[in-house]
């Protein structure tokens, strides 16, 4: 595991995120829709595991308003081991097929492995979504070499696909900001374009429900750094637990509420399962923000 990055210097004014010729500035919202090519996803339980199902799901999500499609081949939580070769088998051909069918869409791949990142970048990916906080420093090198974007996340310095017991922080938000901004600056030093980097608090990754709620409540401190912020809260455990222990299939309303709170605090990219509902909720937030200004 890497050493904890030292806090980075505070960047300048809010940056513009640029991916595949598109620009998302302060006040813009980008919907990132999830396509799981896994047999054991907590949300869809394998419904998009088949190649054709995954590609068709991407097309539906794009039609529903997704700006970015995030393709993943490994379940985030504990489960059956998936080695790099199997992860590549699951995602590379889907990336290539989506790129051929939708030349304009931004394609992201959810991976922490540089060997996977290299293959998907060659297949047409525009963004590497590293939800595990830079455990493989080579990922930034791949992003730099292929000119693609990178998500720098805070996962509590834990091993991928683990759930730490009794994790604690002095100030979880301060830790999130210090870690993600340092990873972002490290990526810039490795050659990744500054305007292709996002930071992500990674709700529920290396965090308990209180930590994830605190990050959501104080997300404005993270967006104030100037780095574009990605939030991935869709149907997560902290949403269900905050509402009394609701199961995955009953977390939709809580997800939309959390998206709205995040958007009002300046989040830029929203990783969701339901692109259409997210697009509608964010349109309302945009109107509210315009009326307030």
C-alpha atoms as a PDB file:
ATOM      1  CA  UNK A   1       0.000   0.000   0.000  1.00  0.00           C
ATOM      2  CA  UNK A   2       1.273   3.536  -0.694  1.00  0.00           C
ATOM      3  CA  UNK A   3       2.229   5.893   2.091  1.00  0.00           C
ATOM      4  CA  UNK A   4      -0.374   8.492   2.915  1.00  0.00           C
ATOM      5  CA  UNK A   5       0.170  11.496   0.638  1.00  0.00           C
ATOM      6  CA  UNK A   6       1.068  14.751   2.331  1.00  0.00           C
ATOM      7  CA  UNK A   7      -1.497  17.538   2.035  1.00  0.00           C
ATOM      8  CA  UNK A   8      -1.203  19.374  -1.266  1.00  0.00           C
ATOM      9  CA  UNK A   9      -1.188  23.103  -1.809  1.00  0.00           C
ATOM     10  CA  UNK A  10      -4.625  24.627  -2.331  1.00  0.00           C
ATOM     11  CA  UNK A  11      -5.267  25.009  -6.090  1.00  0.00           C
ATOM     12  CA  UNK A  12      -6.511  28.188  -7.712  1.00  0.00           C
ATOM     13  CA  UNK A  13     -10.006  28.962  -8.979  1.00  0.00           C
ATOM     14  CA  UNK A  14     -12.424  26.110  -9.725  1.00  0.00           C
ATOM     15  CA  UNK A  15     -11.146  24.176 -12.710  1.00  0.00           C
ATOM     16  CA  UNK A  16     -12.873  23.053 -15.868  1.00  0.00           C
ATOM     17  CA  UNK A  17     -13.028  19.291 -16.363  1.00  0.00           C
ATOM     18  CA  UNK A  18     -12.272  18.266 -19.960  1.00  0.00           C
ATOM     19  CA  UNK A  19     -12.942  14.762 -21.224  1.00  0.00           C
ATOM     20  CA  UNK A  20     -13.327  13.633 -24.835  1.00  0.00           C
ATOM     21  CA  UNK A  21     -13.695  17.177 -26.144  1.00  0.00           C
ATOM     22  CA  UNK A  22     -16.388  18.101 -23.617  1.00  0.00           C
ATOM     23  CA  UNK A  23     -15.963  20.695 -20.906  1.00  0.00           C
ATOM     24  CA  UNK A  24     -17.720  20.740 -17.517  1.00  0.00           C
ATOM     25  CA  UNK A  25     -17.120  23.951 -15.610  1.00  0.00           C
ATOM     26  CA  UNK A  26     -18.291  25.104 -12.176  1.00  0.00           C
ATOM     27  CA  UNK A  27     -22.074  24.790 -12.054  1.00  0.00           C
ATOM     28  CA  UNK A  28     -22.176  22.092 -14.732  1.00  0.00           C
ATOM     29  CA  UNK A  29     -23.360  18.590 -13.865  1.00  0.00           C
ATOM     30  CA  UNK A  30     -22.286  15.360 -15.555  1.00  0.00           C
ATOM     31  CA  UNK A  31     -24.190  12.120 -15.033  1.00  0.00           C
ATOM     32  CA  UNK A  32     -21.964   9.036 -14.837  1.00  0.00           C
ATOM     33  CA  UNK A  33     -24.038   5.888 -15.290  1.00  0.00           C
ATOM     34  CA  UNK A  34     -22.943   2.493 -13.952  1.00  0.00           C
ATOM     35  CA  UNK A  35     -22.634  -0.630 -16.086  1.00  0.00           C
ATOM     36  CA  UNK A  36     -21.546  -3.633 -14.020  1.00  0.00           C
ATOM     37  CA  UNK A  37     -20.123  -6.524 -16.001  1.00  0.00           C
ATOM     38  CA  UNK A  38     -20.057  -8.639 -12.882  1.00  0.00           C
ATOM     39  CA  UNK A  39     -22.126 -11.667 -11.848  1.00  0.00           C
ATOM     40  CA  UNK A  40     -22.373 -10.523  -8.228  1.00  0.00           C
ATOM     41  CA  UNK A  41     -23.046  -6.766  -8.135  1.00  0.00           C
ATOM     42  CA  UNK A  42     -24.813  -5.602  -4.979  1.00  0.00           C
ATOM     43  CA  UNK A  43     -27.283  -3.620  -7.093  1.00  0.00           C
ATOM     44  CA  UNK A  44     -28.175  -5.505 -10.267  1.00  0.00           C
ATOM     45  CA  UNK A  45     -27.076  -9.005  -9.169  1.00  0.00           C
ATOM     46  CA  UNK A  46     -25.598  -9.909 -12.531  1.00  0.00           C
ATOM     47  CA  UNK A  47     -28.327  -8.612 -14.840  1.00  0.00           C
ATOM     48  CA  UNK A  48     -25.750  -6.876 -17.066  1.00  0.00           C
ATOM     49  CA  UNK A  49     -23.025  -9.517 -16.821  1.00  0.00           C
ATOM     50  CA  UNK A  50     -23.561 -10.912 -20.314  1.00  0.00           C
ATOM     51  CA  UNK A  51     -21.698  -9.023 -23.034  1.00  0.00           C
ATOM     52  CA  UNK A  52     -24.812  -8.040 -24.992  1.00  0.00           C
ATOM     53  CA  UNK A  53     -26.671  -7.071 -21.819  1.00  0.00           C
ATOM     54  CA  UNK A  54     -23.806  -4.786 -20.763  1.00  0.00           C
ATOM     55  CA  UNK A  55     -23.582  -3.053 -24.150  1.00  0.00           C
ATOM     56  CA  UNK A  56     -27.351  -2.656 -24.389  1.00  0.00           C
ATOM     57  CA  UNK A  57     -27.475  -1.271 -20.842  1.00  0.00           C
ATOM     58  CA  UNK A  58     -24.900   1.341 -21.806  1.00  0.00           C
ATOM     59  CA  UNK A  59     -27.038   2.375 -24.772  1.00  0.00           C
ATOM     60  CA  UNK A  60     -30.152   2.688 -22.601  1.00  0.00           C
ATOM     61  CA  UNK A  61     -28.316   4.786 -20.019  1.00  0.00           C
ATOM     62  CA  UNK A  62     -26.939   7.087 -22.706  1.00  0.00           C
ATOM     63  CA  UNK A  63     -30.457   7.512 -24.087  1.00  0.00           C
ATOM     64  CA  UNK A  64     -31.575   8.366 -20.546  1.00  0.00           C
ATOM     65  CA  UNK A  65     -29.102  11.229 -20.362  1.00  0.00           C
ATOM     66  CA  UNK A  66     -25.788   9.787 -19.195  1.00  0.00           C
ATOM     67  CA  UNK A  67     -22.759  11.881 -20.156  1.00  0.00           C
ATOM     68  CA  UNK A  68     -20.343   9.214 -18.933  1.00  0.00           C
ATOM     69  CA  UNK A  69     -20.679   5.434 -18.834  1.00  0.00           C
ATOM     70  CA  UNK A  70     -18.639   3.786 -16.073  1.00  0.00           C
ATOM     71  CA  UNK A  71     -17.893   0.130 -16.853  1.00  0.00           C
ATOM     72  CA  UNK A  72     -16.695  -2.168 -14.066  1.00  0.00           C
ATOM     73  CA  UNK A  73     -15.632  -5.797 -14.014  1.00  0.00           C
ATOM     74  CA  UNK A  74     -15.009  -6.392 -10.300  1.00  0.00           C
ATOM     75  CA  UNK A  75     -17.507  -6.151  -7.472  1.00  0.00           C
ATOM     76  CA  UNK A  76     -16.406  -3.489  -4.976  1.00  0.00           C
ATOM     77  CA  UNK A  77     -17.072  -5.560  -1.883  1.00  0.00           C
ATOM     78  CA  UNK A  78     -15.632  -8.901  -0.771  1.00  0.00           C
ATOM     79  CA  UNK A  79     -16.347 -11.859  -3.011  1.00  0.00           C
ATOM     80  CA  UNK A  80     -14.872 -14.236  -5.549  1.00  0.00           C
ATOM     81  CA  UNK A  81     -11.335 -13.333  -6.553  1.00  0.00           C
ATOM     82  CA  UNK A  82     -11.052 -11.695  -9.974  1.00  0.00           C
ATOM     83  CA  UNK A  83      -7.522 -11.578 -11.368  1.00  0.00           C
ATOM     84  CA  UNK A  84      -6.373  -8.947 -13.891  1.00  0.00           C
ATOM     85  CA  UNK A  85      -6.803 -11.274 -16.869  1.00  0.00           C
ATOM     86  CA  UNK A  86     -10.428 -11.979 -15.952  1.00  0.00           C
ATOM     87  CA  UNK A  87     -11.114  -8.296 -15.287  1.00  0.00           C
ATOM     88  CA  UNK A  88      -9.732  -7.464 -18.742  1.00  0.00           C
ATOM     89  CA  UNK A  89     -11.876 -10.201 -20.305  1.00  0.00           C
ATOM     90  CA  UNK A  90     -14.959  -8.711 -18.701  1.00  0.00           C
ATOM     91  CA  UNK A  91     -14.460  -5.051 -19.554  1.00  0.00           C
ATOM     92  CA  UNK A  92     -12.200  -4.532 -22.581  1.00  0.00           C
ATOM     93  CA  UNK A  93     -14.587  -5.826 -25.220  1.00  0.00           C
ATOM     94  CA  UNK A  94     -17.483  -3.895 -23.691  1.00  0.00           C
ATOM     95  CA  UNK A  95     -15.442  -0.682 -23.827  1.00  0.00           C
ATOM     96  CA  UNK A  96     -14.604  -1.318 -27.485  1.00  0.00           C
ATOM     97  CA  UNK A  97     -18.226  -2.089 -28.378  1.00  0.00           C
ATOM     98  CA  UNK A  98     -19.624   0.967 -26.578  1.00  0.00           C
ATOM     99  CA  UNK A  99     -16.990   3.151 -28.198  1.00  0.00           C
ATOM    100  CA  UNK A 100     -17.936   1.850 -31.653  1.00  0.00           C
ATOM    101  CA  UNK A 101     -21.665   2.288 -31.031  1.00  0.00           C
ATOM    102  CA  UNK A 102     -21.387   5.675 -29.279  1.00  0.00           C
ATOM    103  CA  UNK A 103     -18.331   7.585 -30.522  1.00  0.00           C
ATOM    104  CA  UNK A 104     -19.320  10.732 -28.621  1.00  0.00           C
ATOM    105  CA  UNK A 105     -19.880   9.297 -25.137  1.00  0.00           C
ATOM    106  CA  UNK A 106     -17.272   9.546 -22.390  1.00  0.00           C
ATOM    107  CA  UNK A 107     -16.287   6.049 -21.295  1.00  0.00           C
ATOM    108  CA  UNK A 108     -14.921   5.430 -17.802  1.00  0.00           C
ATOM    109  CA  UNK A 109     -13.587   2.156 -16.425  1.00  0.00           C
ATOM    110  CA  UNK A 110     -13.760   1.350 -12.725  1.00  0.00           C
ATOM    111  CA  UNK A 111     -10.384  -0.273 -11.957  1.00  0.00           C
ATOM    112  CA  UNK A 112      -7.462   0.093  -9.589  1.00  0.00           C
ATOM    113  CA  UNK A 113      -5.019  -1.959 -11.701  1.00  0.00           C
ATOM    114  CA  UNK A 114      -2.586  -0.399 -14.159  1.00  0.00           C
ATOM    115  CA  UNK A 115      -2.442  -3.503 -16.360  1.00  0.00           C
ATOM    116  CA  UNK A 116      -6.206  -3.334 -16.825  1.00  0.00           C
ATOM    117  CA  UNK A 117      -6.059   0.430 -17.343  1.00  0.00           C
ATOM    118  CA  UNK A 118      -3.593   0.086 -20.225  1.00  0.00           C
ATOM    119  CA  UNK A 119      -5.813  -2.368 -22.117  1.00  0.00           C
ATOM    120  CA  UNK A 120      -9.023  -0.356 -21.676  1.00  0.00           C
ATOM    121  CA  UNK A 121      -7.290   2.893 -22.632  1.00  0.00           C
ATOM    122  CA  UNK A 122      -6.253   1.223 -25.870  1.00  0.00           C
ATOM    123  CA  UNK A 123      -9.843   0.002 -26.327  1.00  0.00           C
ATOM    124  CA  UNK A 124     -11.234   3.544 -26.124  1.00  0.00           C
ATOM    125  CA  UNK A 125     -11.699   4.519 -22.455  1.00  0.00           C
ATOM    126  CA  UNK A 126     -11.460   8.231 -21.596  1.00  0.00           C
ATOM    127  CA  UNK A 127     -11.320   8.030 -17.806  1.00  0.00           C
ATOM    128  CA  UNK A 128      -9.855   5.663 -15.199  1.00  0.00           C
ATOM    129  CA  UNK A 129     -12.045   5.536 -12.113  1.00  0.00           C
ATOM    130  CA  UNK A 130      -9.738   4.404  -9.303  1.00  0.00           C
ATOM    131  CA  UNK A 131     -12.054   3.985  -6.318  1.00  0.00           C
ATOM    132  CA  UNK A 132      -9.345   2.441  -4.121  1.00  0.00           C
ATOM    133  CA  UNK A 133      -7.165   5.476  -3.592  1.00  0.00           C
ATOM    134  CA  UNK A 134      -4.028   4.950  -5.640  1.00  0.00           C
ATOM    135  CA  UNK A 135      -2.931   1.520  -4.426  1.00  0.00           C
ATOM    136  CA  UNK A 136      -1.268   1.053  -7.838  1.00  0.00           C
ATOM    137  CA  UNK A 137       0.826   4.158  -8.640  1.00  0.00           C
ATOM    138  CA  UNK A 138       1.169   2.877 -12.200  1.00  0.00           C
ATOM    139  CA  UNK A 139      -2.437   3.859 -12.898  1.00  0.00           C
ATOM    140  CA  UNK A 140      -1.478   7.542 -13.071  1.00  0.00           C
ATOM    141  CA  UNK A 141       1.368   6.658 -15.424  1.00  0.00           C
ATOM    142  CA  UNK A 142      -1.083   4.919 -17.751  1.00  0.00           C
ATOM    143  CA  UNK A 143      -3.440   7.913 -17.643  1.00  0.00           C
ATOM    144  CA  UNK A 144      -0.536  10.191 -18.537  1.00  0.00           C
ATOM    145  CA  UNK A 145       0.730   7.954 -21.342  1.00  0.00           C
ATOM    146  CA  UNK A 146      -2.676   7.648 -23.016  1.00  0.00           C
ATOM    147  CA  UNK A 147      -3.913  11.171 -22.302  1.00  0.00           C
ATOM    148  CA  UNK A 148      -6.961   9.976 -20.369  1.00  0.00           C
ATOM    149  CA  UNK A 149      -8.526  11.226 -17.164  1.00  0.00           C
ATOM    150  CA  UNK A 150      -8.127   9.911 -13.626  1.00  0.00           C
ATOM    151  CA  UNK A 151     -10.337   9.794 -10.524  1.00  0.00           C
ATOM    152  CA  UNK A 152      -8.384  10.215  -7.279  1.00  0.00           C
ATOM    153  CA  UNK A 153     -10.399   8.734  -4.426  1.00  0.00           C
ATOM    154  CA  UNK A 154     -10.149   8.352  -0.653  1.00  0.00           C
ATOM    155  CA  UNK A 155     -10.689   4.770   0.475  1.00  0.00           C
ATOM    156  CA  UNK A 156      -9.200   5.003   3.948  1.00  0.00           C
ATOM    157  CA  UNK A 157      -5.887   3.398   2.905  1.00  0.00           C
ATOM    158  CA  UNK A 158      -7.436  -0.064   2.941  1.00  0.00           C
ATOM    159  CA  UNK A 159      -6.822  -3.049   0.686  1.00  0.00           C
ATOM    160  CA  UNK A 160      -9.169  -3.229  -2.316  1.00  0.00           C
ATOM    161  CA  UNK A 161     -12.398  -5.146  -1.741  1.00  0.00           C
ATOM    162  CA  UNK A 162     -12.087  -5.134   2.052  1.00  0.00           C
ATOM    163  CA  UNK A 163     -14.334  -3.659   4.733  1.00  0.00           C
ATOM    164  CA  UNK A 164     -12.270  -2.445   7.690  1.00  0.00           C
ATOM    165  CA  UNK A 165     -13.604  -2.907  11.203  1.00  0.00           C
ATOM    166  CA  UNK A 166     -13.921   0.128  13.491  1.00  0.00           C
ATOM    167  CA  UNK A 167     -12.080   2.531  11.176  1.00  0.00           C
ATOM    168  CA  UNK A 168     -11.584   5.964  12.752  1.00  0.00           C
ATOM    169  CA  UNK A 169     -10.458   9.458  11.744  1.00  0.00           C
ATOM    170  CA  UNK A 170      -9.713  12.568  13.744  1.00  0.00           C
ATOM    171  CA  UNK A 171     -11.573  14.568  11.102  1.00  0.00           C
ATOM    172  CA  UNK A 172     -12.785  12.456   8.180  1.00  0.00           C
ATOM    173  CA  UNK A 173     -13.350  15.420   5.863  1.00  0.00           C
ATOM    174  CA  UNK A 174      -9.886  16.851   6.487  1.00  0.00           C
ATOM    175  CA  UNK A 175      -8.417  13.415   5.822  1.00  0.00           C
ATOM    176  CA  UNK A 176     -10.398  13.043   2.602  1.00  0.00           C
ATOM    177  CA  UNK A 177      -9.322  16.450   1.323  1.00  0.00           C
ATOM    178  CA  UNK A 178      -5.654  16.009   2.199  1.00  0.00           C
ATOM    179  CA  UNK A 179      -5.464  12.554   0.654  1.00  0.00           C
ATOM    180  CA  UNK A 180      -7.356  13.184  -2.582  1.00  0.00           C
ATOM    181  CA  UNK A 181      -5.754  16.535  -3.392  1.00  0.00           C
ATOM    182  CA  UNK A 182      -2.304  15.063  -2.784  1.00  0.00           C
ATOM    183  CA  UNK A 183      -3.117  12.154  -5.105  1.00  0.00           C
ATOM    184  CA  UNK A 184      -4.301  14.668  -7.703  1.00  0.00           C
ATOM    185  CA  UNK A 185      -1.086  16.675  -7.498  1.00  0.00           C
ATOM    186  CA  UNK A 186       0.919  13.459  -7.669  1.00  0.00           C
ATOM    187  CA  UNK A 187      -0.978  12.548 -10.849  1.00  0.00           C
ATOM    188  CA  UNK A 188      -0.178  15.955 -12.360  1.00  0.00           C
ATOM    189  CA  UNK A 189       3.486  15.397 -11.527  1.00  0.00           C
ATOM    190  CA  UNK A 190       3.261  12.038 -13.334  1.00  0.00           C
ATOM    191  CA  UNK A 191       1.994  13.796 -16.459  1.00  0.00           C
ATOM    192  CA  UNK A 192      -1.792  13.524 -16.174  1.00  0.00           C
ATOM    193  CA  UNK A 193      -3.565  16.629 -17.479  1.00  0.00           C
ATOM    194  CA  UNK A 194      -4.757  18.795 -14.595  1.00  0.00           C
ATOM    195  CA  UNK A 195      -8.073  19.368 -16.361  1.00  0.00           C
ATOM    196  CA  UNK A 196      -8.699  15.604 -16.638  1.00  0.00           C
ATOM    197  CA  UNK A 197      -8.522  14.861 -12.894  1.00  0.00           C
ATOM    198  CA  UNK A 198     -11.403  14.496 -10.435  1.00  0.00           C
ATOM    199  CA  UNK A 199     -11.357  13.868  -6.708  1.00  0.00           C
ATOM    200  CA  UNK A 200     -13.840  11.533  -5.010  1.00  0.00           C
ATOM    201  CA  UNK A 201     -14.587  11.167  -1.280  1.00  0.00           C
ATOM    202  CA  UNK A 202     -15.611   7.551  -1.986  1.00  0.00           C
ATOM    203  CA  UNK A 203     -18.604   7.236   0.320  1.00  0.00           C
ATOM    204  CA  UNK A 204     -18.637   3.910   2.220  1.00  0.00           C
ATOM    205  CA  UNK A 205     -15.102   3.005   1.082  1.00  0.00           C
ATOM    206  CA  UNK A 206     -13.048   2.819   4.279  1.00  0.00           C
ATOM    207  CA  UNK A 207     -15.839   4.683   6.049  1.00  0.00           C
ATOM    208  CA  UNK A 208     -18.794   3.913   8.258  1.00  0.00           C
ATOM    209  CA  UNK A 209     -22.211   5.511   7.840  1.00  0.00           C
ATOM    210  CA  UNK A 210     -21.386   8.459  10.107  1.00  0.00           C
ATOM    211  CA  UNK A 211     -18.259   9.202   8.062  1.00  0.00           C
ATOM    212  CA  UNK A 212     -20.181   9.089   4.768  1.00  0.00           C
ATOM    213  CA  UNK A 213     -22.909  11.362   6.122  1.00  0.00           C
ATOM    214  CA  UNK A 214     -20.313  13.810   7.437  1.00  0.00           C
ATOM    215  CA  UNK A 215     -18.598  13.894   4.049  1.00  0.00           C
ATOM    216  CA  UNK A 216     -21.954  14.636   2.393  1.00  0.00           C
ATOM    217  CA  UNK A 217     -22.809  17.349   4.911  1.00  0.00           C
ATOM    218  CA  UNK A 218     -19.448  19.084   4.426  1.00  0.00           C
ATOM    219  CA  UNK A 219     -18.873  18.377   0.742  1.00  0.00           C
ATOM    220  CA  UNK A 220     -18.562  22.111   0.107  1.00  0.00           C
ATOM    221  CA  UNK A 221     -15.163  22.007   1.824  1.00  0.00           C
ATOM    222  CA  UNK A 222     -14.034  19.519  -0.798  1.00  0.00           C
ATOM    223  CA  UNK A 223     -15.387  21.427  -3.785  1.00  0.00           C
ATOM    224  CA  UNK A 224     -13.724  24.570  -2.422  1.00  0.00           C
ATOM    225  CA  UNK A 225     -10.340  23.047  -3.254  1.00  0.00           C
ATOM    226  CA  UNK A 226     -11.008  23.797  -6.913  1.00  0.00           C
ATOM    227  CA  UNK A 227     -10.711  20.201  -8.068  1.00  0.00           C
ATOM    228  CA  UNK A 228     -13.840  18.823  -9.787  1.00  0.00           C
ATOM    229  CA  UNK A 229     -15.569  16.481  -7.341  1.00  0.00           C
ATOM    230  CA  UNK A 230     -17.214  13.164  -8.214  1.00  0.00           C
ATOM    231  CA  UNK A 231     -19.785  11.684  -5.838  1.00  0.00           C
ATOM    232  CA  UNK A 232     -20.785   8.023  -5.980  1.00  0.00           C
ATOM    233  CA  UNK A 233     -23.650   7.597  -3.533  1.00  0.00           C
ATOM    234  CA  UNK A 234     -26.203   5.670  -5.573  1.00  0.00           C
ATOM    235  CA  UNK A 235     -28.079   3.123  -3.418  1.00  0.00           C
ATOM    236  CA  UNK A 236     -25.137   2.779  -1.044  1.00  0.00           C
ATOM    237  CA  UNK A 237     -25.300   1.311   2.444  1.00  0.00           C
ATOM    238  CA  UNK A 238     -24.998   4.657   4.234  1.00  0.00           C
ATOM    239  CA  UNK A 239     -28.158   5.856   2.460  1.00  0.00           C
ATOM    240  CA  UNK A 240     -30.075   2.785   3.581  1.00  0.00           C
ATOM    241  CA  UNK A 241     -28.735   2.913   7.139  1.00  0.00           C
ATOM    242  CA  UNK A 242     -29.496   6.634   7.443  1.00  0.00           C
ATOM    243  CA  UNK A 243     -33.126   5.798   6.652  1.00  0.00           C
ATOM    244  CA  UNK A 244     -33.455   3.057   9.242  1.00  0.00           C
ATOM    245  CA  UNK A 245     -31.905   0.123   7.425  1.00  0.00           C
ATOM    246  CA  UNK A 246     -33.615   0.165   4.051  1.00  0.00           C
ATOM    247  CA  UNK A 247     -32.628  -2.551   1.552  1.00  0.00           C
ATOM    248  CA  UNK A 248     -31.001  -1.684  -1.772  1.00  0.00           C
ATOM    249  CA  UNK A 249     -34.254  -1.656  -3.713  1.00  0.00           C
ATOM    250  CA  UNK A 250     -35.748   1.023  -1.398  1.00  0.00           C
ATOM    251  CA  UNK A 251     -32.873   3.549  -1.433  1.00  0.00           C
ATOM    252  CA  UNK A 252     -33.824   5.467  -4.573  1.00  0.00           C
ATOM    253  CA  UNK A 253     -35.399   8.496  -2.878  1.00  0.00           C
ATOM    254  CA  UNK A 254     -32.524   8.751  -0.415  1.00  0.00           C
ATOM    255  CA  UNK A 255     -30.078   8.590  -3.313  1.00  0.00           C
ATOM    256  CA  UNK A 256     -31.755  11.492  -5.120  1.00  0.00           C
ATOM    257  CA  UNK A 257     -31.809  13.582  -1.947  1.00  0.00           C
ATOM    258  CA  UNK A 258     -28.095  12.997  -1.432  1.00  0.00           C
ATOM    259  CA  UNK A 259     -27.371  13.869  -5.072  1.00  0.00           C
ATOM    260  CA  UNK A 260     -29.233  17.155  -4.672  1.00  0.00           C
ATOM    261  CA  UNK A 261     -27.368  18.073  -1.489  1.00  0.00           C
ATOM    262  CA  UNK A 262     -24.081  17.247  -3.219  1.00  0.00           C
ATOM    263  CA  UNK A 263     -24.955  19.272  -6.308  1.00  0.00           C
ATOM    264  CA  UNK A 264     -25.903  22.328  -4.269  1.00  0.00           C
ATOM    265  CA  UNK A 265     -22.467  22.155  -2.656  1.00  0.00           C
ATOM    266  CA  UNK A 266     -20.685  22.142  -5.994  1.00  0.00           C
ATOM    267  CA  UNK A 267     -20.156  18.488  -6.945  1.00  0.00           C
ATOM    268  CA  UNK A 268     -19.549  18.122 -10.673  1.00  0.00           C
ATOM    269  CA  UNK A 269     -19.951  14.414 -11.592  1.00  0.00           C
ATOM    270  CA  UNK A 270     -22.558  12.021 -10.201  1.00  0.00           C
ATOM    271  CA  UNK A 271     -22.139   8.246 -10.471  1.00  0.00           C
ATOM    272  CA  UNK A 272     -25.596   6.652 -10.516  1.00  0.00           C
ATOM    273  CA  UNK A 273     -27.568   3.573 -11.502  1.00  0.00           C
ATOM    274  CA  UNK A 274     -30.631   5.514 -12.718  1.00  0.00           C
ATOM    275  CA  UNK A 275     -29.434   8.134 -15.212  1.00  0.00           C
ATOM    276  CA  UNK A 276     -32.893   9.473 -16.077  1.00  0.00           C
ATOM    277  CA  UNK A 277     -33.898  10.222 -12.478  1.00  0.00           C
ATOM    278  CA  UNK A 278     -30.502  11.745 -11.724  1.00  0.00           C
ATOM    279  CA  UNK A 279     -30.750  13.984 -14.779  1.00  0.00           C
ATOM    280  CA  UNK A 280     -34.203  15.181 -13.656  1.00  0.00           C
ATOM    281  CA  UNK A 281     -33.097  15.825 -10.069  1.00  0.00           C
ATOM    282  CA  UNK A 282     -30.019  17.744 -11.202  1.00  0.00           C
ATOM    283  CA  UNK A 283     -32.128  19.860 -13.574  1.00  0.00           C
ATOM    284  CA  UNK A 284     -34.213  20.951 -10.578  1.00  0.00           C
ATOM    285  CA  UNK A 285     -31.067  21.762  -8.610  1.00  0.00           C
ATOM    286  CA  UNK A 286     -29.792  23.850 -11.523  1.00  0.00           C
ATOM    287  CA  UNK A 287     -33.030  25.870 -11.588  1.00  0.00           C
ATOM    288  CA  UNK A 288     -32.926  26.378  -7.825  1.00  0.00           C
ATOM    289  CA  UNK A 289     -29.319  27.531  -7.970  1.00  0.00           C
ATOM    290  CA  UNK A 290     -30.109  29.930 -10.809  1.00  0.00           C
ATOM    291  CA  UNK A 291     -33.031  31.400  -8.858  1.00  0.00           C
ATOM    292  CA  UNK A 292     -30.833  31.879  -5.801  1.00  0.00           C
ATOM    293  CA  UNK A 293     -28.048  33.705  -7.675  1.00  0.00           C
END
